Amino acid sequence: MSDFDLDLRTVEEHIDDELEIEGSIVLGVLDGTTSDDEWLETISKGNVLMLCVDGDVNELAAGFARDVRESGGNLVHFRGFLLVTPPGVDVDTERLS
């Protein structure tokens, strides 16, 4: 077995410097009562949306889905929920296959 020298304190210092994650997970209901601009503003602040879909997801998300995708964000419809992430936050769906 080879010697492996790892200074965990140095690693922790670099992690703290580089991980300046902002934003929250925002729970809501996608039912047409919240404006598309409000959803887009929430995403633009680095938040992730977890929305319970009450109606046709394609119709309800039509006003903001294209803007989210074009900016590099993600939309994933899963079991009655729409997960919307800002750019830089990926959604791993591999385990759903």
N, C-alpha and C. Protein backbone atom coordinates (compact mmCIF):
# COMPACT_ATOMS: atom_id res chain seq x y z
N MET A 1 0.84 -1.17 0.00
CA MET A 1 0.00 0.00 0.00
C MET A 1 0.89 1.24 0.00
N SER A 2 0.58 2.22 -0.80
CA SER A 2 1.41 3.42 -0.88
C SER A 2 1.00 4.43 0.17
N ASP A 3 1.97 5.30 0.48
CA ASP A 3 1.68 6.40 1.41
C ASP A 3 0.87 7.45 0.68
N PHE A 4 -0.18 7.88 1.33
CA PHE A 4 -1.03 8.91 0.74
C PHE A 4 -1.21 9.97 1.80
N ASP A 5 -0.69 11.15 1.53
CA ASP A 5 -0.72 12.22 2.50
C ASP A 5 -1.77 13.25 2.08
N LEU A 6 -2.81 13.38 2.88
CA LEU A 6 -3.88 14.32 2.57
C LEU A 6 -4.09 15.22 3.77
N ASP A 7 -3.96 16.51 3.55
CA ASP A 7 -4.17 17.50 4.60
C ASP A 7 -5.63 17.95 4.54
N LEU A 8 -6.46 17.34 5.38
CA LEU A 8 -7.90 17.62 5.34
C LEU A 8 -8.24 19.06 5.73
N ARG A 9 -7.44 19.67 6.57
CA ARG A 9 -7.72 21.06 6.94
C ARG A 9 -7.59 21.98 5.73
N THR A 10 -6.58 21.74 4.92
CA THR A 10 -6.41 22.55 3.72
C THR A 10 -7.56 22.32 2.75
N VAL A 11 -7.97 21.08 2.60
CA VAL A 11 -9.10 20.76 1.72
C VAL A 11 -10.35 21.47 2.21
N GLU A 12 -10.62 21.41 3.51
CA GLU A 12 -11.82 22.05 4.06
C GLU A 12 -11.80 23.55 3.84
N GLU A 13 -10.63 24.16 3.95
CA GLU A 13 -10.53 25.61 3.71
C GLU A 13 -10.90 25.95 2.28
N HIS A 14 -10.44 25.15 1.33
CA HIS A 14 -10.75 25.40 -0.07
C HIS A 14 -12.22 25.14 -0.37
N ILE A 15 -12.79 24.13 0.23
CA ILE A 15 -14.21 23.84 0.02
C ILE A 15 -15.06 25.00 0.51
N ASP A 16 -14.74 25.52 1.70
CA ASP A 16 -15.51 26.64 2.23
C ASP A 16 -15.42 27.86 1.33
N ASP A 17 -14.24 28.09 0.73
CA ASP A 17 -14.06 29.24 -0.15
C ASP A 17 -14.85 29.09 -1.45
N GLU A 18 -14.89 27.88 -1.98
CA GLU A 18 -15.47 27.67 -3.29
C GLU A 18 -16.96 27.37 -3.27
N LEU A 19 -17.50 26.93 -2.15
CA LEU A 19 -18.92 26.59 -2.09
C LEU A 19 -19.73 27.73 -1.48
N GLU A 20 -19.96 28.71 -2.28
CA GLU A 20 -20.81 29.81 -1.84
C GLU A 20 -22.17 29.62 -2.49
N ILE A 21 -22.89 28.64 -2.01
CA ILE A 21 -24.19 28.30 -2.58
C ILE A 21 -25.23 29.23 -1.98
N GLU A 22 -25.98 29.85 -2.86
CA GLU A 22 -27.06 30.72 -2.43
C GLU A 22 -28.37 30.13 -2.92
N GLY A 23 -29.42 30.51 -2.29
CA GLY A 23 -30.72 30.04 -2.74
C GLY A 23 -31.29 29.01 -1.79
N SER A 24 -32.51 28.66 -2.05
CA SER A 24 -33.26 27.73 -1.21
C SER A 24 -34.08 26.82 -2.11
N ILE A 25 -34.70 25.85 -1.49
CA ILE A 25 -35.70 25.05 -2.17
C ILE A 25 -37.04 25.67 -1.81
N VAL A 26 -37.76 26.10 -2.82
CA VAL A 26 -39.03 26.78 -2.63
C VAL A 26 -40.16 25.83 -3.01
N LEU A 27 -41.03 25.54 -2.06
CA LEU A 27 -42.18 24.68 -2.31
C LEU A 27 -43.38 25.54 -2.71
N GLY A 28 -44.14 25.06 -3.69
CA GLY A 28 -45.30 25.82 -4.11
C GLY A 28 -46.26 24.95 -4.90
N VAL A 29 -47.31 25.57 -5.37
CA VAL A 29 -48.32 24.89 -6.17
C VAL A 29 -48.38 25.58 -7.52
N LEU A 30 -48.25 24.80 -8.58
CA LEU A 30 -48.36 25.32 -9.94
C LEU A 30 -49.81 25.10 -10.38
N ASP A 31 -50.61 26.17 -10.25
CA ASP A 31 -52.03 26.07 -10.57
C ASP A 31 -52.53 27.27 -11.37
N GLY A 32 -51.60 28.13 -11.80
CA GLY A 32 -51.98 29.29 -12.58
C GLY A 32 -52.20 30.55 -11.78
N THR A 33 -52.17 30.46 -10.45
CA THR A 33 -52.42 31.65 -9.64
C THR A 33 -51.17 32.50 -9.42
N THR A 34 -49.99 31.92 -9.58
CA THR A 34 -48.74 32.66 -9.44
C THR A 34 -48.26 33.03 -10.84
N SER A 35 -47.83 34.27 -11.01
CA SER A 35 -47.42 34.73 -12.34
C SER A 35 -46.12 34.06 -12.79
N ASP A 36 -45.98 33.92 -14.10
CA ASP A 36 -44.75 33.37 -14.67
C ASP A 36 -43.54 34.20 -14.27
N ASP A 37 -43.72 35.52 -14.23
CA ASP A 37 -42.61 36.41 -13.84
C ASP A 37 -42.15 36.14 -12.42
N GLU A 38 -43.08 35.82 -11.54
CA GLU A 38 -42.71 35.52 -10.15
C GLU A 38 -41.89 34.23 -10.07
N TRP A 39 -42.28 33.20 -10.83
CA TRP A 39 -41.50 31.96 -10.85
C TRP A 39 -40.11 32.23 -11.42
N LEU A 40 -40.03 33.00 -12.52
CA LEU A 40 -38.74 33.31 -13.12
C LEU A 40 -37.84 34.12 -12.19
N GLU A 41 -38.42 35.05 -11.47
CA GLU A 41 -37.65 35.84 -10.51
C GLU A 41 -37.10 34.94 -9.40
N THR A 42 -37.91 34.01 -8.93
CA THR A 42 -37.47 33.09 -7.88
C THR A 42 -36.30 32.24 -8.36
N ILE A 43 -36.38 31.74 -9.58
CA ILE A 43 -35.30 30.95 -10.17
C ILE A 43 -34.05 31.80 -10.37
N SER A 44 -34.22 33.03 -10.83
CA SER A 44 -33.07 33.90 -11.11
C SER A 44 -32.27 34.23 -9.85
N LYS A 45 -32.87 34.07 -8.69
CA LYS A 45 -32.17 34.31 -7.43
C LYS A 45 -31.44 33.07 -6.92
N GLY A 46 -31.41 32.00 -7.76
CA GLY A 46 -30.68 30.79 -7.40
C GLY A 46 -31.50 29.77 -6.65
N ASN A 47 -32.79 29.96 -6.60
CA ASN A 47 -33.66 29.02 -5.89
C ASN A 47 -34.08 27.85 -6.77
N VAL A 48 -34.38 26.74 -6.14
CA VAL A 48 -34.94 25.57 -6.80
C VAL A 48 -36.42 25.53 -6.45
N LEU A 49 -37.26 25.32 -7.46
CA LEU A 49 -38.71 25.21 -7.23
C LEU A 49 -39.13 23.75 -7.20
N MET A 50 -39.93 23.39 -6.22
CA MET A 50 -40.58 22.08 -6.17
C MET A 50 -42.07 22.38 -6.13
N LEU A 51 -42.70 22.23 -7.29
CA LEU A 51 -44.08 22.66 -7.45
C LEU A 51 -45.02 21.47 -7.61
N CYS A 52 -46.05 21.43 -6.80
CA CYS A 52 -47.11 20.44 -6.95
C CYS A 52 -47.99 20.92 -8.10
N VAL A 53 -48.13 20.10 -9.12
CA VAL A 53 -48.86 20.50 -10.33
C VAL A 53 -50.35 20.21 -10.14
N ASP A 54 -51.15 21.27 -10.27
CA ASP A 54 -52.59 21.15 -10.16
C ASP A 54 -53.20 21.55 -11.51
N GLY A 55 -53.20 20.61 -12.45
CA GLY A 55 -53.69 20.87 -13.79
C GLY A 55 -52.73 20.31 -14.82
N ASP A 56 -52.79 20.82 -16.03
CA ASP A 56 -51.94 20.38 -17.13
C ASP A 56 -50.57 21.06 -17.02
N VAL A 57 -49.54 20.27 -16.76
CA VAL A 57 -48.20 20.83 -16.53
C VAL A 57 -47.71 21.62 -17.74
N ASN A 58 -47.97 21.12 -18.95
CA ASN A 58 -47.50 21.82 -20.15
C ASN A 58 -48.14 23.20 -20.29
N GLU A 59 -49.41 23.26 -20.01
CA GLU A 59 -50.12 24.53 -20.10
C GLU A 59 -49.69 25.49 -18.98
N LEU A 60 -49.58 24.97 -17.77
CA LEU A 60 -49.25 25.82 -16.62
C LEU A 60 -47.82 26.34 -16.64
N ALA A 61 -46.89 25.56 -17.19
CA ALA A 61 -45.48 25.96 -17.21
C ALA A 61 -45.07 26.63 -18.51
N ALA A 62 -45.97 26.73 -19.46
CA ALA A 62 -45.64 27.26 -20.79
C ALA A 62 -45.06 28.67 -20.74
N GLY A 63 -45.50 29.47 -19.80
CA GLY A 63 -45.06 30.86 -19.73
C GLY A 63 -43.67 31.08 -19.19
N PHE A 64 -43.07 30.05 -18.56
CA PHE A 64 -41.71 30.24 -18.03
C PHE A 64 -40.73 29.12 -18.40
N ALA A 65 -41.23 28.01 -18.91
CA ALA A 65 -40.35 26.86 -19.20
C ALA A 65 -39.27 27.18 -20.22
N ARG A 66 -39.63 27.83 -21.30
CA ARG A 66 -38.65 28.15 -22.35
C ARG A 66 -37.54 29.05 -21.79
N ASP A 67 -37.91 30.06 -21.01
CA ASP A 67 -36.91 30.96 -20.42
C ASP A 67 -35.96 30.21 -19.49
N VAL A 68 -36.50 29.29 -18.71
CA VAL A 68 -35.67 28.50 -17.80
C VAL A 68 -34.68 27.66 -18.61
N ARG A 69 -35.16 26.97 -19.62
CA ARG A 69 -34.28 26.11 -20.46
C ARG A 69 -33.23 26.94 -21.18
N GLU A 70 -33.64 28.06 -21.77
CA GLU A 70 -32.71 28.89 -22.52
C GLU A 70 -31.61 29.48 -21.64
N SER A 71 -31.92 29.67 -20.36
CA SER A 71 -30.92 30.22 -19.43
C SER A 71 -30.00 29.13 -18.88
N GLY A 72 -30.29 27.86 -19.20
CA GLY A 72 -29.46 26.76 -18.72
C GLY A 72 -30.04 26.02 -17.54
N GLY A 73 -31.26 26.36 -17.15
CA GLY A 73 -31.93 25.67 -16.04
C GLY A 73 -32.57 24.37 -16.51
N ASN A 74 -33.16 23.67 -15.58
CA ASN A 74 -33.79 22.38 -15.87
C ASN A 74 -35.22 22.34 -15.36
N LEU A 75 -36.06 21.57 -16.07
CA LEU A 75 -37.42 21.29 -15.63
C LEU A 75 -37.62 19.79 -15.71
N VAL A 76 -38.07 19.19 -14.62
CA VAL A 76 -38.32 17.76 -14.58
C VAL A 76 -39.69 17.54 -13.96
N HIS A 77 -40.58 16.88 -14.71
CA HIS A 77 -41.91 16.54 -14.20
C HIS A 77 -41.84 15.13 -13.67
N PHE A 78 -42.15 14.94 -12.39
CA PHE A 78 -42.03 13.63 -11.76
C PHE A 78 -43.13 13.45 -10.72
N ARG A 79 -43.97 12.46 -10.93
CA ARG A 79 -45.02 12.08 -9.97
C ARG A 79 -45.87 13.25 -9.48
N GLY A 80 -46.33 14.05 -10.38
CA GLY A 80 -47.22 15.14 -10.03
C GLY A 80 -46.52 16.40 -9.55
N PHE A 81 -45.19 16.41 -9.61
CA PHE A 81 -44.42 17.58 -9.21
C PHE A 81 -43.58 18.06 -10.37
N LEU A 82 -43.32 19.35 -10.39
CA LEU A 82 -42.41 19.94 -11.36
C LEU A 82 -41.23 20.50 -10.58
N LEU A 83 -40.05 19.97 -10.88
CA LEU A 83 -38.81 20.44 -10.27
C LEU A 83 -38.16 21.38 -11.26
N VAL A 84 -37.90 22.61 -10.83
CA VAL A 84 -37.32 23.63 -11.70
C VAL A 84 -36.04 24.12 -11.03
N THR A 85 -34.92 24.00 -11.75
CA THR A 85 -33.64 24.39 -11.18
C THR A 85 -33.01 25.52 -11.99
N PRO A 86 -32.25 26.37 -11.32
CA PRO A 86 -31.55 27.45 -12.03
C PRO A 86 -30.32 26.90 -12.75
N PRO A 87 -29.70 27.70 -13.60
CA PRO A 87 -28.46 27.27 -14.25
C PRO A 87 -27.42 26.84 -13.21
N GLY A 88 -26.72 25.76 -13.52
CA GLY A 88 -25.68 25.28 -12.62
C GLY A 88 -26.14 24.23 -11.64
N VAL A 89 -27.44 24.00 -11.56
CA VAL A 89 -27.97 22.96 -10.67
C VAL A 89 -28.59 21.89 -11.57
N ASP A 90 -27.90 20.76 -11.65
CA ASP A 90 -28.35 19.66 -12.51
C ASP A 90 -29.29 18.73 -11.74
N VAL A 91 -30.12 18.04 -12.50
CA VAL A 91 -31.03 17.05 -11.94
C VAL A 91 -30.62 15.69 -12.50
N ASP A 92 -30.21 14.78 -11.65
CA ASP A 92 -29.80 13.43 -12.07
C ASP A 92 -31.04 12.55 -12.07
N THR A 93 -31.45 12.11 -13.25
CA THR A 93 -32.64 11.28 -13.39
C THR A 93 -32.28 9.82 -13.75
N GLU A 94 -31.02 9.45 -13.66
CA GLU A 94 -30.58 8.12 -14.06
C GLU A 94 -31.29 7.01 -13.30
N ARG A 95 -31.60 7.20 -12.05
CA ARG A 95 -32.22 6.16 -11.24
C ARG A 95 -33.70 5.97 -11.54
N LEU A 96 -34.25 6.80 -12.37
CA LEU A 96 -35.66 6.69 -12.73
C LEU A 96 -35.90 5.69 -13.85
N SER A 97 -34.85 5.29 -14.54
CA SER A 97 -34.99 4.35 -15.67
C SER A 97 -35.31 2.96 -15.22
